[in-house]
Amino acid sequence: MKDKIYICREFSETEELHSHSGIYPYRAVSERPSLNSRGEYSTPSISDDKTVDYARIAALGPERIFEEDIAENLYNNQDDIHHHADIGWYTDLYTGYVADEEKRLKSSSGGLATALLCHLLETGEVTGVIHMKASSEGPLFQYGVSRTVEEVQSGSRTRYYPGSLFDVINEVRDTPGKYAVVGIPPFISELRRLENLEPVLKKRITVHVGLVCAHQKTANYASYLAWQSGIDPDRMTSIDFRTKVSGHPANEYCTTIYYNDDDGNHCEKLVAQSDLRGTNWGHGMFKSYFYDFSDDAFNETADIVFGDAWLPEFVSDYRGTNISIVRSQYISSILDSMRRSGKISLKNLSETDLLLSQKSLVRQTRREFQYRLRIFKKNGWAIPLRYRAIRSDGNLTVQRKLIQHLRGRISRASNQLFPLAREKHSLLLYDIPMFPLVFAYKIVDKFGRFTKKYFA
């Protein structure tokens, strides 16, 4: 039987199972992570004496405390607390948006997350906000600390882009204050585990704001959108993945690509999402490998969680509407104050409607999780040594099984082929071999929609 050190070392050397958050390199090594050719932050080599720490913190680590156990310790002792197997602990469920029309239009969804973060700064509840921001050099976006409302608002857009918390954790450790942090599920849960090992971080990071996230994209996703739009990825200076379009449903947005032309002029190009290949999230193109094993659908260890209200009555409004899961009574009281002052609009939401608003996410991360594990194991692909026993659908149709097979193939192929296409300066080296996989997915998906419509 393998001993603990051996198991932890084996995990630390399996980079496909790393979340690339920069959290455990901070704990285990002093070397700063950097983006690799796959568009992910590489994890530096970790010495044997640090591998157990690493396996305790990592989102898929064999020694980790599961999210549900972390969340129970955080939230279960509150009054008027509720629990749902998929949603987790919560005090309130809402749909809503920021009341200021201009701020709502500038946001990617309903603007609630930015409104809360600005309110926390304005009222002195926090002195800094840790979130993804535009970068002046290197990656297009990276984690940074905003200390003014203006800084928070300038970084309020959705970033389908990887980020490393390595530098900001050092800043929090070295700079006294109270901080709010924004992150996807694996990042928030890893921070929670790190805070249990480092009390100074636990004391200073006082608010954890979670995002609902179908999967993490690599940096190559942004490059692919630019390249197929006729823009050299190396000339791209920024990208707005979700530009709202008046008169269109909220899920029919555009992408704005910012770049420098041959003469050094700053330019921008607006492209409809429907005209861009790779934007169907069901394909899983440029998905980080580890996210196939993230079963934390609703960011269970975050104090408050924001996502999109993908429900018919809200999708028709191009301005965007949020869903929100409130887990902390402290945050619930702040939201109530913001609502009473007219800063935000909130309506109660049922568990059923919350799950319907993210039904594809729940199906991918929860219902079809166990089957996906079997596929990966059969193909000889890396899988976690330890994972949660979640409720999965044991009666998947042939169509849903094929979807899982194709998603795995598309994800892996996209991450392998794109670096080669960049190296050879030929987009065709990516698009041609990807075409049959994407075409097969479309056929299987359409067949599923047809049978559901006429035979369900």
Protein backbone atom coordinates (compact mmCIF):
# COMPACT_ATOMS: atom_id res chain seq x y z
CA MET A 1 0.00 0.00 0.00
CA LYS A 2 1.32 3.43 -0.95
CA ASP A 3 2.20 5.62 2.03
CA LYS A 4 0.94 9.19 2.44
CA ILE A 5 4.17 10.88 1.29
CA TYR A 6 4.29 8.77 -1.87
CA ILE A 7 0.63 9.51 -2.68
CA CYS A 8 1.10 13.25 -2.10
CA ARG A 9 4.26 13.32 -4.20
CA GLU A 10 2.48 11.45 -6.99
CA PHE A 11 -0.32 14.01 -6.91
CA SER A 12 2.07 16.97 -6.90
CA GLU A 13 3.70 15.62 -10.07
CA THR A 14 0.36 15.22 -11.90
CA GLU A 15 -0.07 18.76 -13.18
CA GLU A 16 -3.30 17.93 -15.02
CA LEU A 17 -5.01 17.76 -11.62
CA HIS A 18 -3.78 21.17 -10.44
CA SER A 19 -6.11 24.16 -10.35
CA HIS A 20 -3.22 26.51 -11.27
CA SER A 21 -4.49 29.02 -8.70
CA GLY A 22 -1.05 30.00 -7.42
CA ILE A 23 -2.18 29.22 -3.87
CA TYR A 24 -0.14 26.13 -3.18
CA PRO A 25 3.02 27.41 -4.94
CA TYR A 26 2.78 30.30 -2.47
CA ARG A 27 2.76 27.81 0.40
CA ALA A 28 5.27 25.32 -0.96
CA VAL A 29 7.84 27.24 -3.04
CA SER A 30 9.03 30.78 -3.58
CA GLU A 31 9.08 30.48 -7.38
CA ARG A 32 6.43 32.59 -9.11
CA PRO A 33 4.11 30.63 -11.43
CA SER A 34 4.05 31.68 -15.11
CA LEU A 35 1.78 30.99 -18.08
CA ASN A 36 2.82 27.99 -20.15
CA SER A 37 2.06 27.20 -23.81
CA ARG A 38 -1.30 25.71 -22.83
CA GLY A 39 -2.30 29.07 -21.35
CA GLU A 40 -2.26 27.86 -17.75
CA TYR A 41 -0.11 28.79 -14.76
CA SER A 42 2.50 26.09 -14.29
CA THR A 43 3.06 24.70 -10.82
CA PRO A 44 6.77 24.79 -9.90
CA SER A 45 8.40 21.61 -8.63
CA ILE A 46 7.56 20.96 -4.98
CA SER A 47 9.99 19.37 -2.58
CA ASP A 48 9.00 16.17 -0.74
CA ASP A 49 8.68 17.92 2.62
CA LYS A 50 6.01 20.25 1.20
CA THR A 51 3.89 17.74 -0.70
CA VAL A 52 1.58 16.95 2.23
CA ASP A 53 0.77 20.66 2.72
CA TYR A 54 0.13 20.83 -1.00
CA ALA A 55 -2.20 17.83 -0.95
CA ARG A 56 -4.15 19.39 1.95
CA ILE A 57 -4.72 22.70 0.16
CA ALA A 58 -5.25 21.68 -3.48
CA ALA A 59 -8.82 21.49 -4.78
CA LEU A 60 -8.27 17.88 -5.87
CA GLY A 61 -5.63 17.01 -3.28
CA PRO A 62 -5.79 13.54 -1.70
CA GLU A 63 -5.45 15.00 1.83
CA ARG A 64 -7.94 17.85 1.44
CA ILE A 65 -10.97 18.58 3.60
CA PHE A 66 -14.03 18.39 1.34
CA GLU A 67 -15.96 21.56 0.53
CA GLU A 68 -19.12 20.38 2.29
CA ASP A 69 -17.18 19.92 5.55
CA ILE A 70 -15.55 23.34 5.29
CA ALA A 71 -18.94 24.92 4.58
CA GLU A 72 -20.66 23.13 7.45
CA ASN A 73 -18.08 24.49 9.91
CA LEU A 74 -18.50 28.00 8.47
CA TYR A 75 -22.26 28.30 8.17
CA ASN A 76 -24.18 25.55 9.97
CA ASN A 77 -24.32 27.31 13.35
CA GLN A 78 -26.21 30.35 12.02
CA ASP A 79 -29.91 30.94 12.66
CA ASP A 80 -32.37 30.45 9.80
CA ILE A 81 -29.86 28.47 7.76
CA HIS A 82 -30.94 26.04 5.03
CA HIS A 83 -29.16 23.26 3.19
CA HIS A 84 -29.53 21.67 -0.23
CA ALA A 85 -27.36 18.83 -1.53
CA ASP A 86 -26.42 20.71 -4.72
CA ILE A 87 -26.68 24.34 -3.59
CA GLY A 88 -25.03 23.94 -0.18
CA TRP A 89 -25.78 26.05 2.90
CA TYR A 90 -27.67 29.31 2.45
CA THR A 91 -29.68 31.95 4.26
CA ASP A 92 -31.22 33.58 1.16
CA LEU A 93 -31.59 32.99 -2.58
CA TYR A 94 -32.15 35.98 -4.85
CA THR A 95 -32.33 37.33 -8.34
CA GLY A 96 -31.37 40.95 -8.75
CA TYR A 97 -29.33 43.75 -10.23
CA VAL A 98 -27.71 47.05 -9.33
CA ALA A 99 -30.25 49.89 -9.40
CA ASP A 100 -27.97 52.35 -11.22
CA GLU A 101 -28.76 51.75 -14.91
CA GLU A 102 -25.36 52.91 -16.16
CA LYS A 103 -23.52 50.58 -13.77
CA ARG A 104 -25.79 47.70 -14.74
CA LEU A 105 -25.08 48.21 -18.44
CA LYS A 106 -21.33 48.32 -17.80
CA SER A 107 -21.42 45.02 -15.96
CA SER A 108 -21.30 41.58 -17.58
CA SER A 109 -24.48 40.45 -15.81
CA GLY A 110 -26.64 42.30 -13.26
CA GLY A 111 -23.81 44.17 -11.53
CA LEU A 112 -24.58 42.88 -8.02
CA ALA A 113 -21.05 41.64 -7.30
CA THR A 114 -19.45 44.98 -8.14
CA ALA A 115 -22.13 46.86 -6.18
CA LEU A 116 -21.43 44.76 -3.08
CA LEU A 117 -17.65 45.11 -3.37
CA CYS A 118 -17.89 48.90 -3.80
CA HIS A 119 -20.23 49.13 -0.81
CA LEU A 120 -17.79 47.13 1.34
CA LEU A 121 -15.01 49.60 0.45
CA GLU A 122 -17.18 52.69 0.91
CA THR A 123 -18.34 51.59 4.37
CA GLY A 124 -14.88 50.48 5.53
CA GLU A 125 -15.91 46.85 5.90
CA VAL A 126 -12.84 46.01 3.81
CA THR A 127 -9.76 47.98 2.82
CA GLY A 128 -8.95 46.00 -0.32
CA VAL A 129 -10.65 43.85 -2.96
CA ILE A 130 -8.76 40.93 -4.52
CA HIS A 131 -10.06 40.30 -8.03
CA MET A 132 -9.05 39.87 -11.66
CA LYS A 133 -7.89 43.12 -13.27
CA ALA A 134 -6.57 44.24 -16.64
CA SER A 135 -2.80 43.94 -16.82
CA SER A 136 -0.47 46.44 -18.49
CA GLU A 137 2.16 43.80 -19.29
CA GLY A 138 2.37 40.03 -19.57
CA PRO A 139 -1.03 38.30 -19.26
CA LEU A 140 -4.12 40.22 -20.38
CA PHE A 141 -5.58 39.91 -16.88
CA GLN A 142 -4.24 38.96 -13.50
CA TYR A 143 -5.23 39.06 -9.85
CA GLY A 144 -4.58 42.33 -8.08
CA VAL A 145 -5.76 44.35 -5.07
CA SER A 146 -8.09 47.31 -5.63
CA ARG A 147 -8.31 49.85 -2.83
CA THR A 148 -10.73 52.38 -4.35
CA VAL A 149 -14.24 52.16 -5.76
CA GLU A 150 -12.94 53.38 -9.12
CA GLU A 151 -10.43 50.54 -9.30
CA VAL A 152 -13.10 47.97 -8.49
CA GLN A 153 -15.46 49.35 -11.11
CA SER A 154 -12.75 49.34 -13.79
CA GLY A 155 -12.23 45.62 -13.16
CA SER A 156 -15.89 44.69 -13.07
CA ARG A 157 -16.12 42.65 -16.27
CA THR A 158 -16.26 38.88 -16.64
CA ARG A 159 -12.82 37.38 -17.30
CA TYR A 160 -12.77 34.02 -19.05
CA TYR A 161 -9.08 33.90 -18.33
CA PRO A 162 -6.76 32.19 -15.82
CA GLY A 163 -5.42 34.03 -12.80
CA SER A 164 -2.81 33.32 -10.14
CA LEU A 165 -3.26 34.40 -6.52
CA PHE A 166 0.46 33.97 -5.77
CA ASP A 167 1.36 37.67 -5.67
CA VAL A 168 -1.78 38.94 -3.93
CA ILE A 169 -1.52 36.39 -1.12
CA ASN A 170 1.95 37.71 -0.39
CA GLU A 171 0.56 41.26 -0.43
CA VAL A 172 -2.21 40.34 2.02
CA ARG A 173 0.28 38.61 4.30
CA ASP A 174 2.60 41.64 4.26
CA THR A 175 -0.04 44.42 4.37
CA PRO A 176 -2.44 44.65 7.34
CA GLY A 177 -6.07 45.29 6.53
CA LYS A 178 -9.36 43.57 5.75
CA TYR A 179 -9.85 42.07 2.32
CA ALA A 180 -12.63 40.69 0.13
CA VAL A 181 -11.64 38.10 -2.47
CA VAL A 182 -13.47 37.07 -5.65
CA GLY A 183 -12.94 33.65 -7.18
CA ILE A 184 -14.21 30.50 -8.87
CA PRO A 185 -15.05 27.48 -6.67
CA PRO A 186 -11.64 25.73 -6.58
CA PHE A 187 -9.84 29.00 -5.78
CA ILE A 188 -12.16 29.90 -2.90
CA SER A 189 -12.01 26.41 -1.37
CA GLU A 190 -8.21 26.35 -1.65
CA LEU A 191 -8.01 29.74 0.06
CA ARG A 192 -10.19 28.43 2.88
CA ARG A 193 -7.80 25.51 3.40
CA LEU A 194 -4.78 27.80 3.25
CA GLU A 195 -6.36 30.12 5.82
CA ASN A 196 -6.70 27.18 8.20
CA LEU A 197 -2.92 26.76 7.97
CA GLU A 198 -2.08 30.49 8.15
CA PRO A 199 -4.12 32.42 10.77
CA VAL A 200 -2.93 35.85 9.54
CA LEU A 201 -4.64 35.24 6.19
CA LYS A 202 -7.79 33.98 7.90
CA LYS A 203 -7.92 37.16 9.97
CA ARG A 204 -7.38 39.49 7.03
CA ILE A 205 -9.51 37.88 4.30
CA THR A 206 -12.92 38.59 5.80
CA VAL A 207 -15.26 38.25 2.80
CA HIS A 208 -15.21 35.47 0.19
CA VAL A 209 -17.22 36.27 -2.94
CA GLY A 210 -17.80 33.25 -5.16
CA LEU A 211 -18.63 33.05 -8.85
CA VAL A 212 -20.73 30.36 -10.51
CA CYS A 213 -18.40 28.89 -13.11
CA ALA A 214 -19.08 26.17 -15.67
CA HIS A 215 -15.36 25.69 -16.25
CA GLN A 216 -12.05 27.55 -16.26
CA LYS A 217 -10.78 28.66 -19.66
CA THR A 218 -7.09 28.79 -20.48
CA ALA A 219 -5.50 31.98 -21.84
CA ASN A 220 -5.54 30.38 -25.30
CA TYR A 221 -9.30 30.85 -25.45
CA ALA A 222 -8.86 34.63 -25.75
CA SER A 223 -6.08 34.13 -28.31
CA TYR A 224 -8.31 31.87 -30.41
CA LEU A 225 -11.15 34.43 -30.44
CA ALA A 226 -8.74 37.13 -31.62
CA TRP A 227 -6.97 34.97 -34.21
CA GLN A 228 -10.14 33.81 -35.96
CA SER A 229 -11.29 37.45 -36.01
CA GLY A 230 -8.26 38.37 -38.10
CA ILE A 231 -6.23 39.79 -35.21
CA ASP A 232 -2.76 38.56 -34.32
CA PRO A 233 -3.04 37.31 -30.70
CA ASP A 234 0.30 38.95 -29.93
CA ARG A 235 -1.21 42.33 -30.87
CA MET A 236 -4.23 41.91 -28.62
CA THR A 237 -4.14 44.30 -25.64
CA SER A 238 -7.43 43.36 -23.97
CA ILE A 239 -10.77 41.66 -24.54
CA ASP A 240 -14.32 42.10 -23.27
CA PHE A 241 -15.80 38.63 -23.48
CA ARG A 242 -19.36 39.82 -22.87
CA THR A 243 -20.42 43.07 -24.52
CA LYS A 244 -24.15 43.64 -24.09
CA VAL A 245 -26.25 44.39 -27.17
CA SER A 246 -29.46 46.40 -26.82
CA GLY A 247 -32.51 44.59 -28.12
CA HIS A 248 -30.92 41.14 -27.92
CA PRO A 249 -31.41 38.50 -25.21
CA ALA A 250 -28.86 38.55 -22.38
CA ASN A 251 -27.23 35.35 -23.67
CA GLU A 252 -26.71 36.79 -27.19
CA TYR A 253 -23.79 39.05 -26.40
CA CYS A 254 -20.80 40.16 -28.44
CA THR A 255 -17.06 40.06 -27.84
CA THR A 256 -14.94 43.21 -28.12
CA ILE A 257 -11.27 42.68 -28.94
CA TYR A 258 -8.78 45.50 -28.34
CA TYR A 259 -5.49 45.49 -30.24
CA ASN A 260 -2.72 47.55 -31.80
CA ASP A 261 -2.58 47.69 -35.60
CA ASP A 262 0.56 47.74 -37.77
CA ASP A 263 0.95 51.49 -37.22
CA GLY A 264 0.64 51.21 -33.45
CA ASN A 265 -2.89 52.64 -33.34
CA HIS A 266 -5.22 51.40 -30.61
CA CYS A 267 -8.15 49.66 -32.26
CA GLU A 268 -11.16 47.59 -31.29
CA LYS A 269 -13.31 45.04 -33.08
CA LEU A 270 -16.82 43.97 -32.07
CA VAL A 271 -17.76 40.41 -33.04
CA ALA A 272 -21.05 38.63 -32.37
CA GLN A 273 -20.64 35.58 -30.18
CA SER A 274 -22.57 33.54 -32.75
CA ASP A 275 -19.88 34.35 -35.34
CA LEU A 276 -17.05 33.01 -33.19
CA ARG A 277 -16.03 29.36 -33.10
CA GLY A 278 -15.38 27.83 -29.69
CA THR A 279 -17.88 29.95 -27.75
CA ASN A 280 -20.31 27.08 -27.14
CA TRP A 281 -19.52 26.24 -23.52
CA GLY A 282 -20.93 22.77 -23.94
CA HIS A 283 -17.97 21.86 -26.16
CA GLY A 284 -15.50 22.47 -23.35
CA MET A 285 -12.95 23.93 -25.74
CA PHE A 286 -9.86 25.29 -23.91
CA LYS A 287 -11.18 23.98 -20.62
CA SER A 288 -8.55 23.46 -17.94
CA TYR A 289 -8.30 19.73 -17.33
CA PHE A 290 -8.86 19.91 -13.57
CA TYR A 291 -12.33 21.39 -14.03
CA ASP A 292 -13.71 18.05 -15.22
CA PHE A 293 -13.44 17.03 -11.56
CA SER A 294 -14.82 20.15 -9.91
CA ASP A 295 -18.12 19.01 -8.39
CA ASP A 296 -18.56 22.29 -6.48
CA ALA A 297 -21.35 23.65 -8.67
CA PHE A 298 -22.28 26.65 -6.52
CA ASN A 299 -19.06 27.67 -4.76
CA GLU A 300 -20.03 26.06 -1.45
CA THR A 301 -17.35 27.73 0.71
CA ALA A 302 -18.03 31.33 -0.42
CA ASP A 303 -19.96 33.76 1.81
CA ILE A 304 -21.99 34.91 -1.17
CA VAL A 305 -22.17 33.58 -4.72
CA PHE A 306 -23.13 35.33 -7.95
CA GLY A 307 -24.08 33.93 -11.32
CA ASP A 308 -26.34 34.61 -14.31
CA ALA A 309 -30.11 34.25 -14.08
CA TRP A 310 -30.53 32.03 -17.14
CA LEU A 311 -34.30 31.83 -16.77
CA PRO A 312 -36.75 32.82 -19.56
CA GLU A 313 -38.16 35.82 -17.73
CA PHE A 314 -34.64 37.27 -17.27
CA VAL A 315 -32.79 36.18 -20.43
CA SER A 316 -35.04 38.45 -22.50
CA ASP A 317 -33.59 41.51 -20.71
CA TYR A 318 -30.26 42.37 -22.35
CA ARG A 319 -29.21 44.46 -19.34
CA GLY A 320 -28.50 41.28 -17.35
CA THR A 321 -29.76 39.79 -14.09
CA ASN A 322 -27.87 37.95 -11.35
CA ILE A 323 -28.71 34.98 -9.21
CA SER A 324 -27.26 35.18 -5.72
CA ILE A 325 -26.74 32.58 -3.00
CA VAL A 326 -26.16 34.15 0.41
CA ARG A 327 -24.52 31.86 2.97
CA SER A 328 -23.34 34.37 5.60
CA GLN A 329 -25.76 36.28 7.82
CA TYR A 330 -23.16 39.07 7.98
CA ILE A 331 -23.40 39.49 4.20
CA SER A 332 -27.18 39.04 4.31
CA SER A 333 -27.50 42.05 6.62
CA ILE A 334 -25.30 44.14 4.31
CA LEU A 335 -27.43 43.22 1.28
CA ASP A 336 -30.57 44.09 3.19
CA SER A 337 -29.12 47.52 4.01
CA MET A 338 -28.19 48.05 0.34
CA ARG A 339 -31.69 47.07 -0.76
CA ARG A 340 -33.38 49.39 1.74
CA SER A 341 -31.19 52.29 0.59
CA GLY A 342 -32.16 51.67 -3.04
CA LYS A 343 -28.71 50.62 -4.25
CA ILE A 344 -29.83 47.20 -5.47
CA SER A 345 -33.00 45.38 -6.45
CA LEU A 346 -33.55 41.87 -5.08
CA LYS A 347 -36.31 39.28 -5.41
CA ASN A 348 -36.53 35.98 -3.56
CA LEU A 349 -35.77 32.88 -5.61
CA SER A 350 -36.80 29.28 -4.97
CA GLU A 351 -34.36 26.36 -4.90
CA THR A 352 -36.09 24.90 -7.95
CA ASP A 353 -35.67 28.05 -10.03
CA LEU A 354 -32.08 28.51 -8.91
CA LEU A 355 -31.25 25.02 -10.13
CA LEU A 356 -33.16 25.60 -13.36
CA SER A 357 -31.16 28.78 -13.99
CA GLN A 358 -27.99 26.67 -14.01
CA LYS A 359 -29.36 23.31 -15.13
CA SER A 360 -26.51 22.59 -17.57
CA LEU A 361 -23.96 23.34 -14.86
CA VAL A 362 -25.68 21.04 -12.36
CA ARG A 363 -25.90 18.26 -14.92
CA GLN A 364 -22.21 18.56 -15.83
CA THR A 365 -20.72 18.98 -12.36
CA ARG A 366 -23.07 16.74 -10.40
CA ARG A 367 -25.36 14.38 -12.32
CA GLU A 368 -22.81 13.16 -14.89
CA PHE A 369 -19.72 13.35 -12.69
CA GLN A 370 -19.40 9.64 -11.90
CA TYR A 371 -19.80 8.60 -15.53
CA ARG A 372 -17.12 11.09 -16.56
CA LEU A 373 -14.74 9.54 -14.03
CA ARG A 374 -15.28 6.15 -15.62
CA ILE A 375 -14.57 7.55 -19.09
CA PHE A 376 -11.32 9.17 -18.00
CA LYS A 377 -10.18 6.08 -16.13
CA LYS A 378 -10.93 3.86 -19.13
CA ASN A 379 -8.94 6.18 -21.41
CA GLY A 380 -5.98 6.16 -19.05
CA TRP A 381 -6.33 9.86 -18.27
CA ALA A 382 -5.47 11.26 -14.85
CA ILE A 383 -8.26 11.27 -12.26
CA PRO A 384 -8.24 12.37 -8.60
CA LEU A 385 -7.26 9.77 -6.02
CA ARG A 386 -10.07 10.96 -3.76
CA TYR A 387 -13.39 12.60 -4.54
CA ARG A 388 -16.80 13.19 -3.00
CA ALA A 389 -19.64 10.69 -3.21
CA ILE A 390 -22.21 12.89 -4.92
CA ARG A 391 -25.62 12.02 -6.27
CA SER A 392 -25.19 11.16 -9.94
CA ASP A 393 -27.66 10.04 -12.56
CA GLY A 394 -27.29 6.28 -12.95
CA ASN A 395 -29.62 6.16 -15.97
CA LEU A 396 -27.88 8.37 -18.49
CA THR A 397 -29.12 8.12 -22.05
CA VAL A 398 -26.77 7.05 -24.83
CA GLN A 399 -26.87 10.64 -26.06
CA ARG A 400 -25.69 12.06 -22.71
CA LYS A 401 -22.92 9.48 -22.51
CA LEU A 402 -21.72 10.43 -25.99
CA ILE A 403 -21.76 14.10 -24.98
CA GLN A 404 -19.41 13.32 -22.07
CA HIS A 405 -17.08 11.34 -24.33
CA LEU A 406 -16.93 14.15 -26.89
CA ARG A 407 -16.42 16.89 -24.30
CA GLY A 408 -13.41 15.05 -22.95
CA ARG A 409 -11.97 14.66 -26.45
CA ILE A 410 -12.64 18.26 -27.46
CA SER A 411 -11.11 19.67 -24.29
CA ARG A 412 -7.93 17.63 -24.54
CA ALA A 413 -7.53 18.15 -28.29
CA SER A 414 -7.96 21.93 -28.04
CA ASN A 415 -5.30 22.22 -25.35
CA GLN A 416 -2.88 20.03 -27.30
CA LEU A 417 -3.39 21.43 -30.81
CA PHE A 418 -3.50 25.18 -30.21
CA PRO A 419 0.09 25.57 -28.96
CA LEU A 420 1.25 23.72 -32.10
CA ALA A 421 -0.84 26.02 -34.32
CA ARG A 422 0.71 29.07 -32.64
CA GLU A 423 4.20 27.65 -33.04
CA LYS A 424 3.63 27.00 -36.77
CA HIS A 425 1.67 30.25 -37.29
CA SER A 426 -1.23 28.39 -38.89
CA LEU A 427 -4.76 28.49 -37.49
CA LEU A 428 -5.71 25.69 -39.89
CA LEU A 429 -3.53 23.31 -37.88
CA TYR A 430 -6.04 23.83 -35.11
CA ASP A 431 -9.36 24.25 -36.93
CA ILE A 432 -9.07 21.30 -39.33
CA PRO A 433 -8.48 18.52 -36.76
CA MET A 434 -11.00 20.12 -34.36
CA PHE A 435 -13.78 20.22 -36.96
CA PRO A 436 -14.83 16.52 -36.89
CA LEU A 437 -15.00 16.53 -33.08
CA VAL A 438 -17.13 19.67 -32.96
CA PHE A 439 -19.31 18.44 -35.84
CA ALA A 440 -19.92 15.13 -34.06
CA TYR A 441 -20.88 17.03 -30.89
CA LYS A 442 -23.40 19.14 -32.83
CA ILE A 443 -25.03 16.05 -34.34
CA VAL A 444 -25.30 14.29 -30.96
CA ASP A 445 -26.59 17.47 -29.29
CA LYS A 446 -29.23 18.08 -31.97
CA PHE A 447 -30.35 14.47 -31.75
CA GLY A 448 -30.83 14.88 -28.00
CA ARG A 449 -32.86 18.06 -28.46
CA PHE A 450 -35.00 16.40 -31.15
CA THR A 451 -35.80 13.32 -29.08
CA LYS A 452 -36.56 15.46 -26.01
CA LYS A 453 -38.94 17.65 -28.01
CA TYR A 454 -40.87 14.90 -29.77
CA PHE A 455 -40.51 11.78 -27.62
CA ALA A 456 -40.01 12.92 -24.03
